[in-house]
Amino acid sequence: MQADALTIQADALTMQADALTMQADALTMQADALALQGIGKFNSLQINEML
C-alpha cells in the first residue's frame, strides 16, 4: 500500500515537472515570437526607407 502511494506521488511530481518544462517551452516560444516581430518591424522600416 505504501509503495503504491509513493509511486502515485512520484508520478504526480513527474507530471508537475513535465508541466513546468512545457511552461518554460511556451515562454521560450513567446520570446522567439517577440524577437521575430521585432526583426520584421526593423526590416519593414529599412524597406520603407529604401523606397
C-alpha atoms as a PDB file:
ATOM      1  CA  MET A   1       0.000   0.000   0.000  1.00  0.00           C
ATOM      2  CA  GLN A   2       2.688   2.478   0.994  1.00  0.00           C
ATOM      3  CA  ALA A   3       4.693   1.644  -2.111  1.00  0.00           C
ATOM      4  CA  ASP A   4       1.630   2.362  -4.264  1.00  0.00           C
ATOM      5  CA  ALA A   5       1.170   5.739  -2.590  1.00  0.00           C
ATOM      6  CA  LEU A   6       4.822   6.591  -3.157  1.00  0.00           C
ATOM      7  CA  THR A   7       4.524   5.576  -6.803  1.00  0.00           C
ATOM      8  CA  ILE A   8       1.493   7.829  -7.207  1.00  0.00           C
ATOM      9  CA  GLN A   9       3.369  10.710  -5.561  1.00  0.00           C
ATOM     10  CA  ALA A  10       6.366  10.139  -7.807  1.00  0.00           C
ATOM     11  CA  ASP A  11       4.094  10.127 -10.863  1.00  0.00           C
ATOM     12  CA  ALA A  12       2.470  13.364  -9.708  1.00  0.00           C
ATOM     13  CA  LEU A  13       5.864  15.017  -9.261  1.00  0.00           C
ATOM     14  CA  THR A  14       6.911  13.836 -12.702  1.00  0.00           C
ATOM     15  CA  MET A  15       3.767  15.359 -14.197  1.00  0.00           C
ATOM     16  CA  GLN A  16       4.437  18.630 -12.364  1.00  0.00           C
ATOM     17  CA  ALA A  17       7.973  18.664 -13.719  1.00  0.00           C
ATOM     18  CA  ASP A  18       6.641  17.993 -17.224  1.00  0.00           C
ATOM     19  CA  ALA A  19       4.142  20.833 -16.843  1.00  0.00           C
ATOM     20  CA  LEU A  20       6.903  23.226 -15.763  1.00  0.00           C
ATOM     21  CA  THR A  21       9.001  22.160 -18.734  1.00  0.00           C
ATOM     22  CA  MET A  22       6.085  22.868 -21.066  1.00  0.00           C
ATOM     23  CA  GLN A  23       5.566  26.285 -19.464  1.00  0.00           C
ATOM     24  CA  ALA A  24       9.250  27.075 -19.981  1.00  0.00           C
ATOM     25  CA  ASP A  25       8.997  25.953 -23.603  1.00  0.00           C
ATOM     26  CA  ALA A  26       5.934  28.164 -24.097  1.00  0.00           C
ATOM     27  CA  LEU A  27       7.782  31.171 -22.655  1.00  0.00           C
ATOM     28  CA  THR A  28      10.721  30.461 -24.961  1.00  0.00           C
ATOM     29  CA  MET A  29       8.373  30.373 -27.948  1.00  0.00           C
ATOM     30  CA  GLN A  30       6.779  33.655 -26.864  1.00  0.00           C
ATOM     31  CA  ALA A  31      10.213  35.251 -26.606  1.00  0.00           C
ATOM     32  CA  ASP A  32      11.130  33.899 -30.044  1.00  0.00           C
ATOM     33  CA  ALA A  33       7.895  35.276 -31.479  1.00  0.00           C
ATOM     34  CA  LEU A  34       8.577  38.710 -29.994  1.00  0.00           C
ATOM     35  CA  ALA A  35      12.113  38.655 -31.387  1.00  0.00           C
ATOM     36  CA  LEU A  36      10.799  37.730 -34.841  1.00  0.00           C
ATOM     37  CA  GLN A  37       8.213  40.525 -34.649  1.00  0.00           C
ATOM     38  CA  GLY A  38      10.982  42.969 -33.801  1.00  0.00           C
ATOM     39  CA  ILE A  39      13.104  41.753 -36.708  1.00  0.00           C
ATOM     40  CA  GLY A  40      10.090  42.024 -39.018  1.00  0.00           C
ATOM     41  CA  LYS A  41       9.374  45.603 -37.945  1.00  0.00           C
ATOM     42  CA  PHE A  42      13.036  46.560 -38.306  1.00  0.00           C
ATOM     43  CA  ASN A  43      13.180  45.047 -41.808  1.00  0.00           C
ATOM     44  CA  SER A  44       9.938  46.798 -42.717  1.00  0.00           C
ATOM     45  CA  LEU A  45      11.373  50.149 -41.630  1.00  0.00           C
ATOM     46  CA  GLN A  46      14.528  49.531 -43.660  1.00  0.00           C
ATOM     47  CA  ILE A  47      12.487  48.646 -46.745  1.00  0.00           C
ATOM     48  CA  ASN A  48      10.345  51.763 -46.340  1.00  0.00           C
ATOM     49  CA  GLU A  49      13.498  53.903 -46.148  1.00  0.00           C
ATOM     50  CA  MET A  50      14.756  52.396 -49.401  1.00  0.00           C
ATOM     51  CA  LEU A  51      11.531  53.201 -51.258  1.00  0.00           C
END
